[in-house]
Amino acid sequence: YRIIQDPRSFCFGIDAVLLANFAGKTSGKMIDLGTGNGVIPLLYSA
C-alpha cells in the first residue's frame, strides 16, 4: 500500500501507525474519525 501526501501540509506520523495496529480486528463496519490523508483506513485495510 501507498499513500499520497503533500509535504507542505500535515503528514502522518508514528501515532497513526500505532493506532492502526492497536485497534482489534472486526468483521463489522469500521470508521476513522478525522482521517486526514486516510492513513489509518489504508493501514487497517492492509
All heavy atoms as atom14 arrays in JSON, in Angstrom:
{
  "sequence": "YRIIQDPRSFCFGIDAVLLANFAGKTSGKMIDLGTGNGVIPLLYSA",
  "atom14_mask": [
    [1, 1, 1, 1, 1, 1, 1, 1, 1, 1, 1, 1, 0, 0],
    [1, 1, 1, 1, 1, 1, 1, 1, 1, 1, 1, 0, 0, 0],
    [1, 1, 1, 1, 1, 1, 1, 1, 0, 0, 0, 0, 0, 0],
    [1, 1, 1, 1, 1, 1, 1, 1, 0, 0, 0, 0, 0, 0],
    [1, 1, 1, 1, 1, 1, 1, 1, 1, 0, 0, 0, 0, 0],
    [1, 1, 1, 1, 1, 1, 1, 1, 0, 0, 0, 0, 0, 0],
    [1, 1, 1, 1, 1, 1, 1, 0, 0, 0, 0, 0, 0, 0],
    [1, 1, 1, 1, 1, 1, 1, 1, 1, 1, 1, 0, 0, 0],
    [1, 1, 1, 1, 1, 1, 0, 0, 0, 0, 0, 0, 0, 0],
    [1, 1, 1, 1, 1, 1, 1, 1, 1, 1, 1, 0, 0, 0],
    [1, 1, 1, 1, 1, 1, 0, 0, 0, 0, 0, 0, 0, 0],
    [1, 1, 1, 1, 1, 1, 1, 1, 1, 1, 1, 0, 0, 0],
    [1, 1, 1, 1, 0, 0, 0, 0, 0, 0, 0, 0, 0, 0],
    [1, 1, 1, 1, 1, 1, 1, 1, 0, 0, 0, 0, 0, 0],
    [1, 1, 1, 1, 1, 1, 1, 1, 0, 0, 0, 0, 0, 0],
    [1, 1, 1, 1, 1, 0, 0, 0, 0, 0, 0, 0, 0, 0],
    [1, 1, 1, 1, 1, 1, 1, 0, 0, 0, 0, 0, 0, 0],
    [1, 1, 1, 1, 1, 1, 1, 1, 0, 0, 0, 0, 0, 0],
    [1, 1, 1, 1, 1, 1, 1, 1, 0, 0, 0, 0, 0, 0],
    [1, 1, 1, 1, 1, 0, 0, 0, 0, 0, 0, 0, 0, 0],
    [1, 1, 1, 1, 1, 1, 1, 1, 0, 0, 0, 0, 0, 0],
    [1, 1, 1, 1, 1, 1, 1, 1, 1, 1, 1, 0, 0, 0],
    [1, 1, 1, 1, 1, 0, 0, 0, 0, 0, 0, 0, 0, 0],
    [1, 1, 1, 1, 0, 0, 0, 0, 0, 0, 0, 0, 0, 0],
    [1, 1, 1, 1, 1, 1, 1, 1, 1, 0, 0, 0, 0, 0],
    [1, 1, 1, 1, 1, 1, 1, 0, 0, 0, 0, 0, 0, 0],
    [1, 1, 1, 1, 1, 1, 0, 0, 0, 0, 0, 0, 0, 0],
    [1, 1, 1, 1, 0, 0, 0, 0, 0, 0, 0, 0, 0, 0],
    [1, 1, 1, 1, 1, 1, 1, 1, 1, 0, 0, 0, 0, 0],
    [1, 1, 1, 1, 1, 1, 1, 1, 0, 0, 0, 0, 0, 0],
    [1, 1, 1, 1, 1, 1, 1, 1, 0, 0, 0, 0, 0, 0],
    [1, 1, 1, 1, 1, 1, 1, 1, 0, 0, 0, 0, 0, 0],
    [1, 1, 1, 1, 1, 1, 1, 1, 0, 0, 0, 0, 0, 0],
    [1, 1, 1, 1, 0, 0, 0, 0, 0, 0, 0, 0, 0, 0],
    [1, 1, 1, 1, 1, 1, 1, 0, 0, 0, 0, 0, 0, 0],
    [1, 1, 1, 1, 0, 0, 0, 0, 0, 0, 0, 0, 0, 0],
    [1, 1, 1, 1, 1, 1, 1, 1, 0, 0, 0, 0, 0, 0],
    [1, 1, 1, 1, 0, 0, 0, 0, 0, 0, 0, 0, 0, 0],
    [1, 1, 1, 1, 1, 1, 1, 0, 0, 0, 0, 0, 0, 0],
    [1, 1, 1, 1, 1, 1, 1, 1, 0, 0, 0, 0, 0, 0],
    [1, 1, 1, 1, 1, 1, 1, 0, 0, 0, 0, 0, 0, 0],
    [1, 1, 1, 1, 1, 1, 1, 1, 0, 0, 0, 0, 0, 0],
    [1, 1, 1, 1, 1, 1, 1, 1, 0, 0, 0, 0, 0, 0],
    [1, 1, 1, 1, 1, 1, 1, 1, 1, 1, 1, 1, 0, 0],
    [1, 1, 1, 1, 1, 1, 0, 0, 0, 0, 0, 0, 0, 0],
    [1, 1, 1, 1, 1, 0, 0, 0, 0, 0, 0, 0, 0, 0]
  ],
  "atom14_positions": [
    [[0.82, -1.2, 0.0], [0.0, 0.0, 0.0], [0.86, 1.26, 0.0], [1.94, 1.3, 0.6], [-0.92, 0.01, 1.23], [-2.2, -0.75, 1.04], [-2.21, -2.03, 0.5], [-3.42, -0.2, 1.43], [-3.39, -2.74, 0.34], [-4.61, -0.91, 1.28], [-4.58, -2.18, 0.73], [-5.75, -2.87, 0.59], [0.0, 0.0, 0.0], [0.0, 0.0, 0.0]],
    [[0.34, 2.29, -0.66], [1.0, 3.59, -0.73], [0.01, 4.69, -0.36], [-1.2, 4.47, -0.37], [1.52, 3.83, -2.14], [2.6, 2.82, -2.58], [2.84, 2.88, -4.09], [1.68, 2.4, -4.81], [1.52, 2.57, -6.14], [2.43, 3.22, -6.84], [0.43, 2.12, -6.74], [0.0, 0.0, 0.0], [0.0, 0.0, 0.0], [0.0, 0.0, 0.0]],
    [[0.53, 5.85, -0.04], [-0.32, 6.97, 0.35], [0.16, 8.25, -0.31], [1.38, 8.47, -0.46], [-0.36, 7.13, 1.89], [-1.39, 8.2, 2.3], [1.02, 7.46, 2.46], [-1.67, 8.24, 3.77], [0.0, 0.0, 0.0], [0.0, 0.0, 0.0], [0.0, 0.0, 0.0], [0.0, 0.0, 0.0], [0.0, 0.0, 0.0], [0.0, 0.0, 0.0]],
    [[-0.78, 9.07, -0.73], [-0.47, 10.37, -1.34], [-0.41, 11.41, -0.22], [-1.35, 11.55, 0.55], [-1.54, 10.75, -2.37], [-1.61, 9.72, -3.49], [-1.27, 12.15, -2.92], [-2.82, 9.85, -4.39], [0.0, 0.0, 0.0], [0.0, 0.0, 0.0], [0.0, 0.0, 0.0], [0.0, 0.0, 0.0], [0.0, 0.0, 0.0], [0.0, 0.0, 0.0]],
    [[0.7, 12.14, -0.17], [0.86, 13.18, 0.85], [1.41, 14.46, 0.22], [2.07, 14.41, -0.83], [1.8, 12.72, 1.96], [1.32, 11.48, 2.69], [1.94, 11.36, 4.07], [1.34, 11.76, 5.07], [3.13, 10.8, 4.14], [0.0, 0.0, 0.0], [0.0, 0.0, 0.0], [0.0, 0.0, 0.0], [0.0, 0.0, 0.0], [0.0, 0.0, 0.0]],
    [[1.15, 15.56, 0.87], [1.7, 16.85, 0.46], [2.67, 17.29, 1.55], [2.24, 17.62, 2.67], [0.58, 17.88, 0.29], [1.08, 19.19, -0.28], [2.3, 19.47, -0.19], [0.25, 19.96, -0.8], [0.0, 0.0, 0.0], [0.0, 0.0, 0.0], [0.0, 0.0, 0.0], [0.0, 0.0, 0.0], [0.0, 0.0, 0.0], [0.0, 0.0, 0.0]],
    [[3.98, 17.27, 1.29], [4.96, 17.62, 2.33], [4.83, 19.04, 2.85], [5.37, 19.37, 3.9], [6.31, 17.4, 1.63], [6.01, 17.47, 0.17], [4.61, 16.93, 0.01], [0.0, 0.0, 0.0], [0.0, 0.0, 0.0], [0.0, 0.0, 0.0], [0.0, 0.0, 0.0], [0.0, 0.0, 0.0], [0.0, 0.0, 0.0], [0.0, 0.0, 0.0]],
    [[4.11, 19.88, 2.13], [3.89, 21.26, 2.59], [2.8, 21.33, 3.65], [2.64, 22.36, 4.31], [3.5, 22.15, 1.4], [4.56, 22.23, 0.32], [3.98, 22.78, -0.96], [2.94, 21.9, -1.51], [2.35, 22.1, -2.69], [2.68, 23.16, -3.42], [1.42, 21.27, -3.12], [0.0, 0.0, 0.0], [0.0, 0.0, 0.0], [0.0, 0.0, 0.0]],
    [[2.06, 20.24, 3.81], [0.95, 20.22, 4.75], [1.19, 19.14, 5.8], [2.31, 18.68, 5.99], [-0.36, 20.0, 3.99], [-1.45, 20.18, 4.85], [0.0, 0.0, 0.0], [0.0, 0.0, 0.0], [0.0, 0.0, 0.0], [0.0, 0.0, 0.0], [0.0, 0.0, 0.0], [0.0, 0.0, 0.0], [0.0, 0.0, 0.0], [0.0, 0.0, 0.0]],
    [[0.1, 18.68, 6.44], [0.23, 17.71, 7.53], [0.44, 16.31, 6.97], [-0.35, 15.83, 6.15], [-1.02, 17.74, 8.42], [-0.9, 16.88, 9.65], [-0.24, 17.35, 10.77], [-1.43, 15.6, 9.68], [-0.11, 16.56, 11.91], [-1.33, 14.81, 10.81], [-0.66, 15.3, 11.92], [0.0, 0.0, 0.0], [0.0, 0.0, 0.0], [0.0, 0.0, 0.0]],
    [[1.5, 15.63, 7.41], [1.79, 14.25, 7.01], [1.67, 13.35, 8.24], [1.93, 13.77, 9.36], [3.18, 14.13, 6.41], [3.38, 15.04, 4.84], [0.0, 0.0, 0.0], [0.0, 0.0, 0.0], [0.0, 0.0, 0.0], [0.0, 0.0, 0.0], [0.0, 0.0, 0.0], [0.0, 0.0, 0.0], [0.0, 0.0, 0.0], [0.0, 0.0, 0.0]],
    [[1.3, 12.1, 8.02], [1.07, 11.2, 9.14], [2.36, 10.88, 9.88], [3.46, 10.95, 9.32], [0.37, 9.92, 8.68], [1.27, 8.89, 8.06], [1.89, 7.92, 8.84], [1.49, 8.86, 6.69], [2.72, 6.96, 8.28], [2.31, 7.89, 6.11], [2.93, 6.95, 6.91], [0.0, 0.0, 0.0], [0.0, 0.0, 0.0], [0.0, 0.0, 0.0]],
    [[2.23, 10.48, 11.14], [3.38, 10.13, 11.96], [3.21, 8.75, 12.57], [2.28, 8.0, 12.23], [0.0, 0.0, 0.0], [0.0, 0.0, 0.0], [0.0, 0.0, 0.0], [0.0, 0.0, 0.0], [0.0, 0.0, 0.0], [0.0, 0.0, 0.0], [0.0, 0.0, 0.0], [0.0, 0.0, 0.0], [0.0, 0.0, 0.0], [0.0, 0.0, 0.0]],
    [[4.08, 8.42, 13.49], [4.07, 7.09, 14.1], [2.79, 6.85, 14.9], [2.35, 5.71, 15.05], [5.31, 6.89, 15.0], [5.42, 5.42, 15.44], [5.27, 7.83, 16.2], [6.69, 5.09, 16.16], [0.0, 0.0, 0.0], [0.0, 0.0, 0.0], [0.0, 0.0, 0.0], [0.0, 0.0, 0.0], [0.0, 0.0, 0.0], [0.0, 0.0, 0.0]],
    [[2.15, 7.91, 15.4], [0.93, 7.73, 16.18], [-0.16, 7.03, 15.36], [-0.88, 6.17, 15.88], [0.43, 9.05, 16.76], [0.44, 10.21, 15.78], [0.8, 10.0, 14.61], [0.1, 11.33, 16.2], [0.0, 0.0, 0.0], [0.0, 0.0, 0.0], [0.0, 0.0, 0.0], [0.0, 0.0, 0.0], [0.0, 0.0, 0.0], [0.0, 0.0, 0.0]],
    [[-0.28, 7.37, 14.08], [-1.27, 6.72, 13.22], [-0.94, 5.24, 13.03], [-1.83, 4.38, 13.03], [-1.34, 7.42, 11.87], [0.0, 0.0, 0.0], [0.0, 0.0, 0.0], [0.0, 0.0, 0.0], [0.0, 0.0, 0.0], [0.0, 0.0, 0.0], [0.0, 0.0, 0.0], [0.0, 0.0, 0.0], [0.0, 0.0, 0.0], [0.0, 0.0, 0.0]],
    [[0.34, 4.93, 12.88], [0.77, 3.54, 12.7], [0.45, 2.72, 13.95], [-0.06, 1.6, 13.87], [2.28, 3.47, 12.38], [2.74, 2.02, 12.26], [2.59, 4.24, 11.1], [0.0, 0.0, 0.0], [0.0, 0.0, 0.0], [0.0, 0.0, 0.0], [0.0, 0.0, 0.0], [0.0, 0.0, 0.0], [0.0, 0.0, 0.0], [0.0, 0.0, 0.0]],
    [[0.74, 3.29, 15.11], [0.47, 2.6, 16.37], [-1.02, 2.34, 16.55], [-1.43, 1.26, 16.96], [1.01, 3.42, 17.54], [2.53, 3.66, 17.58], [2.89, 4.51, 18.79], [3.3, 2.37, 17.58], [0.0, 0.0, 0.0], [0.0, 0.0, 0.0], [0.0, 0.0, 0.0], [0.0, 0.0, 0.0], [0.0, 0.0, 0.0], [0.0, 0.0, 0.0]],
    [[-1.83, 3.34, 16.25], [-3.27, 3.19, 16.44], [-3.86, 2.14, 15.51], [-4.71, 1.34, 15.92], [-3.97, 4.54, 16.23], [-5.49, 4.52, 16.36], [-5.91, 4.04, 17.75], [-6.06, 5.9, 16.07], [0.0, 0.0, 0.0], [0.0, 0.0, 0.0], [0.0, 0.0, 0.0], [0.0, 0.0, 0.0], [0.0, 0.0, 0.0], [0.0, 0.0, 0.0]],
    [[-3.42, 2.13, 14.25], [-3.94, 1.15, 13.29], [-3.65, -0.27, 13.75], [-4.45, -1.19, 13.5], [-3.34, 1.4, 11.91], [0.0, 0.0, 0.0], [0.0, 0.0, 0.0], [0.0, 0.0, 0.0], [0.0, 0.0, 0.0], [0.0, 0.0, 0.0], [0.0, 0.0, 0.0], [0.0, 0.0, 0.0], [0.0, 0.0, 0.0], [0.0, 0.0, 0.0]],
    [[-2.53, -0.47, 14.43], [-2.18, -1.8, 14.9], [-2.86, -2.13, 16.23], [-3.23, -3.27, 16.49], [-0.67, -1.93, 15.06], [-0.21, -3.38, 15.0], [-0.01, -3.94, 13.93], [-0.07, -4.0, 16.16], [0.0, 0.0, 0.0], [0.0, 0.0, 0.0], [0.0, 0.0, 0.0], [0.0, 0.0, 0.0], [0.0, 0.0, 0.0], [0.0, 0.0, 0.0]],
    [[-3.04, -1.11, 17.08], [-3.65, -1.31, 18.4], [-5.12, -1.71, 18.28], [-5.62, -2.52, 19.07], [-3.53, 0.0, 19.2], [-4.12, -0.03, 20.57], [-3.47, -0.67, 21.62], [-5.34, 0.59, 20.83], [-4.02, -0.68, 22.9], [-5.89, 0.59, 22.11], [-5.23, -0.05, 23.14], [0.0, 0.0, 0.0], [0.0, 0.0, 0.0], [0.0, 0.0, 0.0]],
    [[-5.81, -1.15, 17.31], [-7.23, -1.47, 17.12], [-7.4, -2.93, 16.73], [-6.68, -3.44, 15.86], [-7.82, -0.56, 16.05], [0.0, 0.0, 0.0], [0.0, 0.0, 0.0], [0.0, 0.0, 0.0], [0.0, 0.0, 0.0], [0.0, 0.0, 0.0], [0.0, 0.0, 0.0], [0.0, 0.0, 0.0], [0.0, 0.0, 0.0], [0.0, 0.0, 0.0]],
    [[-8.32, -3.61, 17.37], [-8.53, -5.02, 17.09], [-9.23, -5.26, 15.77], [-9.82, -4.36, 15.17], [0.0, 0.0, 0.0], [0.0, 0.0, 0.0], [0.0, 0.0, 0.0], [0.0, 0.0, 0.0], [0.0, 0.0, 0.0], [0.0, 0.0, 0.0], [0.0, 0.0, 0.0], [0.0, 0.0, 0.0], [0.0, 0.0, 0.0], [0.0, 0.0, 0.0]],
    [[-9.16, -6.51, 15.3], [-9.85, -6.89, 14.07], [-11.36, -6.84, 14.27], [-11.86, -7.06, 15.37], [-9.45, -8.31, 13.66], [-8.04, -8.44, 13.14], [-7.8, -9.87, 12.68], [-6.4, -10.04, 12.11], [-6.15, -11.42, 11.63], [0.0, 0.0, 0.0], [0.0, 0.0, 0.0], [0.0, 0.0, 0.0], [0.0, 0.0, 0.0], [0.0, 0.0, 0.0]],
    [[-12.08, -6.54, 13.2], [-13.53, -6.58, 13.25], [-14.07, -7.1, 11.93], [-13.5, -6.84, 10.87], [-14.12, -5.19, 13.54], [-15.55, -5.29, 13.6], [-13.76, -4.17, 12.46], [0.0, 0.0, 0.0], [0.0, 0.0, 0.0], [0.0, 0.0, 0.0], [0.0, 0.0, 0.0], [0.0, 0.0, 0.0], [0.0, 0.0, 0.0], [0.0, 0.0, 0.0]],
    [[-15.16, -7.83, 12.01], [-15.83, -8.3, 10.8], [-16.97, -7.35, 10.44], [-17.64, -7.52, 9.42], [-16.38, -9.71, 11.01], [-17.27, -9.74, 12.12], [0.0, 0.0, 0.0], [0.0, 0.0, 0.0], [0.0, 0.0, 0.0], [0.0, 0.0, 0.0], [0.0, 0.0, 0.0], [0.0, 0.0, 0.0], [0.0, 0.0, 0.0], [0.0, 0.0, 0.0]],
    [[-17.2, -6.35, 11.31], [-18.25, -5.37, 11.07], [-17.69, -4.12, 10.4], [-16.56, -4.1, 9.91], [0.0, 0.0, 0.0], [0.0, 0.0, 0.0], [0.0, 0.0, 0.0], [0.0, 0.0, 0.0], [0.0, 0.0, 0.0], [0.0, 0.0, 0.0], [0.0, 0.0, 0.0], [0.0, 0.0, 0.0], [0.0, 0.0, 0.0], [0.0, 0.0, 0.0]],
    [[-18.47, -3.05, 10.4], [-18.06, -1.8, 9.77], [-17.14, -1.01, 10.7], [-17.35, -0.99, 11.91], [-19.29, -0.97, 9.41], [-20.18, -1.62, 8.37], [-21.43, -0.8, 8.09], [-21.11, 0.51, 7.38], [-22.34, 1.24, 7.02], [0.0, 0.0, 0.0], [0.0, 0.0, 0.0], [0.0, 0.0, 0.0], [0.0, 0.0, 0.0], [0.0, 0.0, 0.0]],
    [[-16.14, -0.37, 10.11], [-15.17, 0.42, 10.86], [-15.14, 1.83, 10.3], [-15.28, 2.03, 9.09], [-13.79, -0.24, 10.74], [-12.65, 0.54, 11.37], [-11.79, 1.63, 10.21], [-10.25, 1.92, 11.09], [0.0, 0.0, 0.0], [0.0, 0.0, 0.0], [0.0, 0.0, 0.0], [0.0, 0.0, 0.0], [0.0, 0.0, 0.0], [0.0, 0.0, 0.0]],
    [[-14.98, 2.82, 11.19], [-14.85, 4.21, 10.75], [-13.72, 4.89, 11.5], [-13.54, 4.69, 12.7], [-16.17, 4.99, 10.93], [-16.04, 6.41, 10.34], [-16.62, 5.04, 12.39], [-17.36, 7.15, 10.24], [0.0, 0.0, 0.0], [0.0, 0.0, 0.0], [0.0, 0.0, 0.0], [0.0, 0.0, 0.0], [0.0, 0.0, 0.0], [0.0, 0.0, 0.0]],
    [[-12.95, 5.7, 10.78], [-11.87, 6.5, 11.36], [-12.3, 7.96, 11.33], [-12.56, 8.51, 10.25], [-10.58, 6.3, 10.57], [-9.42, 7.08, 11.17], [-9.19, 6.96, 12.39], [-8.73, 7.79, 10.41], [0.0, 0.0, 0.0], [0.0, 0.0, 0.0], [0.0, 0.0, 0.0], [0.0, 0.0, 0.0], [0.0, 0.0, 0.0], [0.0, 0.0, 0.0]],
    [[-12.37, 8.58, 12.49], [-12.83, 9.96, 12.6], [-11.66, 10.94, 12.54], [-10.7, 10.81, 13.28], [-13.59, 10.15, 13.92], [-14.83, 9.26, 14.11], [-15.47, 9.53, 15.47], [-15.83, 9.46, 12.99], [0.0, 0.0, 0.0], [0.0, 0.0, 0.0], [0.0, 0.0, 0.0], [0.0, 0.0, 0.0], [0.0, 0.0, 0.0], [0.0, 0.0, 0.0]],
    [[-11.76, 11.92, 11.63], [-10.67, 12.85, 11.4], [-9.53, 12.15, 10.69], [-8.38, 12.2, 11.13], [0.0, 0.0, 0.0], [0.0, 0.0, 0.0], [0.0, 0.0, 0.0], [0.0, 0.0, 0.0], [0.0, 0.0, 0.0], [0.0, 0.0, 0.0], [0.0, 0.0, 0.0], [0.0, 0.0, 0.0], [0.0, 0.0, 0.0], [0.0, 0.0, 0.0]],
    [[-9.84, 11.52, 9.58], [-8.91, 10.59, 8.94], [-7.74, 11.24, 8.22], [-6.78, 10.57, 7.86], [-9.69, 9.66, 7.97], [-8.92, 8.49, 7.71], [-10.02, 10.37, 6.66], [0.0, 0.0, 0.0], [0.0, 0.0, 0.0], [0.0, 0.0, 0.0], [0.0, 0.0, 0.0], [0.0, 0.0, 0.0], [0.0, 0.0, 0.0], [0.0, 0.0, 0.0]],
    [[-7.79, 12.56, 8.0], [-6.69, 13.23, 7.32], [-6.47, 12.68, 5.93], [-7.41, 12.61, 5.12], [0.0, 0.0, 0.0], [0.0, 0.0, 0.0], [0.0, 0.0, 0.0], [0.0, 0.0, 0.0], [0.0, 0.0, 0.0], [0.0, 0.0, 0.0], [0.0, 0.0, 0.0], [0.0, 0.0, 0.0], [0.0, 0.0, 0.0], [0.0, 0.0, 0.0]],
    [[-5.24, 12.26, 5.64], [-4.91, 11.69, 4.34], [-5.38, 10.26, 4.17], [-5.1, 9.63, 3.16], [-3.39, 11.74, 4.12], [-2.87, 13.15, 3.94], [-3.63, 14.08, 3.68], [-1.57, 13.32, 4.09], [0.0, 0.0, 0.0], [0.0, 0.0, 0.0], [0.0, 0.0, 0.0], [0.0, 0.0, 0.0], [0.0, 0.0, 0.0], [0.0, 0.0, 0.0]],
    [[-6.05, 9.72, 5.18], [-6.6, 8.38, 5.09], [-5.64, 7.27, 5.46], [-5.86, 6.11, 5.12], [0.0, 0.0, 0.0], [0.0, 0.0, 0.0], [0.0, 0.0, 0.0], [0.0, 0.0, 0.0], [0.0, 0.0, 0.0], [0.0, 0.0, 0.0], [0.0, 0.0, 0.0], [0.0, 0.0, 0.0], [0.0, 0.0, 0.0], [0.0, 0.0, 0.0]],
    [[-4.61, 7.6, 6.23], [-3.58, 6.59, 6.53], [-4.12, 5.46, 7.39], [-3.79, 4.28, 7.16], [-2.34, 7.24, 7.19], [-2.68, 7.9, 8.52], [-1.23, 6.21, 7.36], [0.0, 0.0, 0.0], [0.0, 0.0, 0.0], [0.0, 0.0, 0.0], [0.0, 0.0, 0.0], [0.0, 0.0, 0.0], [0.0, 0.0, 0.0], [0.0, 0.0, 0.0]],
    [[-4.95, 5.75, 8.38], [-5.45, 4.68, 9.25], [-6.38, 3.73, 8.5], [-6.21, 2.5, 8.6], [-6.1, 5.27, 10.51], [-5.01, 5.9, 11.4], [-6.86, 4.2, 11.3], [-5.52, 6.65, 12.61], [0.0, 0.0, 0.0], [0.0, 0.0, 0.0], [0.0, 0.0, 0.0], [0.0, 0.0, 0.0], [0.0, 0.0, 0.0], [0.0, 0.0, 0.0]],
    [[-7.35, 4.21, 7.71], [-8.13, 3.27, 6.9], [-7.27, 2.41, 5.97], [-7.52, 1.21, 5.82], [-9.07, 4.17, 6.1], [-9.28, 5.35, 6.99], [-7.92, 5.57, 7.63], [0.0, 0.0, 0.0], [0.0, 0.0, 0.0], [0.0, 0.0, 0.0], [0.0, 0.0, 0.0], [0.0, 0.0, 0.0], [0.0, 0.0, 0.0], [0.0, 0.0, 0.0]],
    [[-6.24, 2.99, 5.37], [-5.38, 2.23, 4.47], [-4.58, 1.17, 5.22], [-4.49, 0.02, 4.79], [-4.44, 3.17, 3.71], [-5.08, 4.06, 2.66], [-4.04, 5.03, 2.09], [-5.72, 3.25, 1.54], [0.0, 0.0, 0.0], [0.0, 0.0, 0.0], [0.0, 0.0, 0.0], [0.0, 0.0, 0.0], [0.0, 0.0, 0.0], [0.0, 0.0, 0.0]],
    [[-3.98, 1.56, 6.35], [-3.21, 0.6, 7.14], [-4.11, -0.49, 7.7], [-3.74, -1.67, 7.71], [-2.49, 1.32, 8.28], [-1.26, 2.14, 7.91], [-0.79, 2.97, 9.11], [-0.14, 1.26, 7.41], [0.0, 0.0, 0.0], [0.0, 0.0, 0.0], [0.0, 0.0, 0.0], [0.0, 0.0, 0.0], [0.0, 0.0, 0.0], [0.0, 0.0, 0.0]],
    [[-5.29, -0.1, 8.15], [-6.21, -1.09, 8.7], [-6.66, -2.07, 7.63], [-6.78, -3.27, 7.86], [-7.41, -0.4, 9.34], [-8.18, -1.29, 10.28], [-7.79, -1.44, 11.6], [-9.28, -2.01, 9.82], [-8.47, -2.29, 12.47], [-9.97, -2.86, 10.68], [-9.56, -2.99, 12.0], [-10.23, -3.83, 12.85], [0.0, 0.0, 0.0], [0.0, 0.0, 0.0]],
    [[-6.89, -1.55, 6.43], [-7.26, -2.42, 5.31], [-6.15, -3.39, 4.97], [-6.37, -4.59, 4.78], [-7.59, -1.56, 4.08], [-7.8, -2.37, 2.94], [0.0, 0.0, 0.0], [0.0, 0.0, 0.0], [0.0, 0.0, 0.0], [0.0, 0.0, 0.0], [0.0, 0.0, 0.0], [0.0, 0.0, 0.0], [0.0, 0.0, 0.0], [0.0, 0.0, 0.0]],
    [[-4.92, -2.89, 4.92], [-3.77, -3.72, 4.55], [-3.48, -4.77, 5.61], [-3.14, -5.92, 5.28], [-2.55, -2.84, 4.32], [0.0, 0.0, 0.0], [0.0, 0.0, 0.0], [0.0, 0.0, 0.0], [0.0, 0.0, 0.0], [0.0, 0.0, 0.0], [0.0, 0.0, 0.0], [0.0, 0.0, 0.0], [0.0, 0.0, 0.0], [0.0, 0.0, 0.0]]
  ]
}
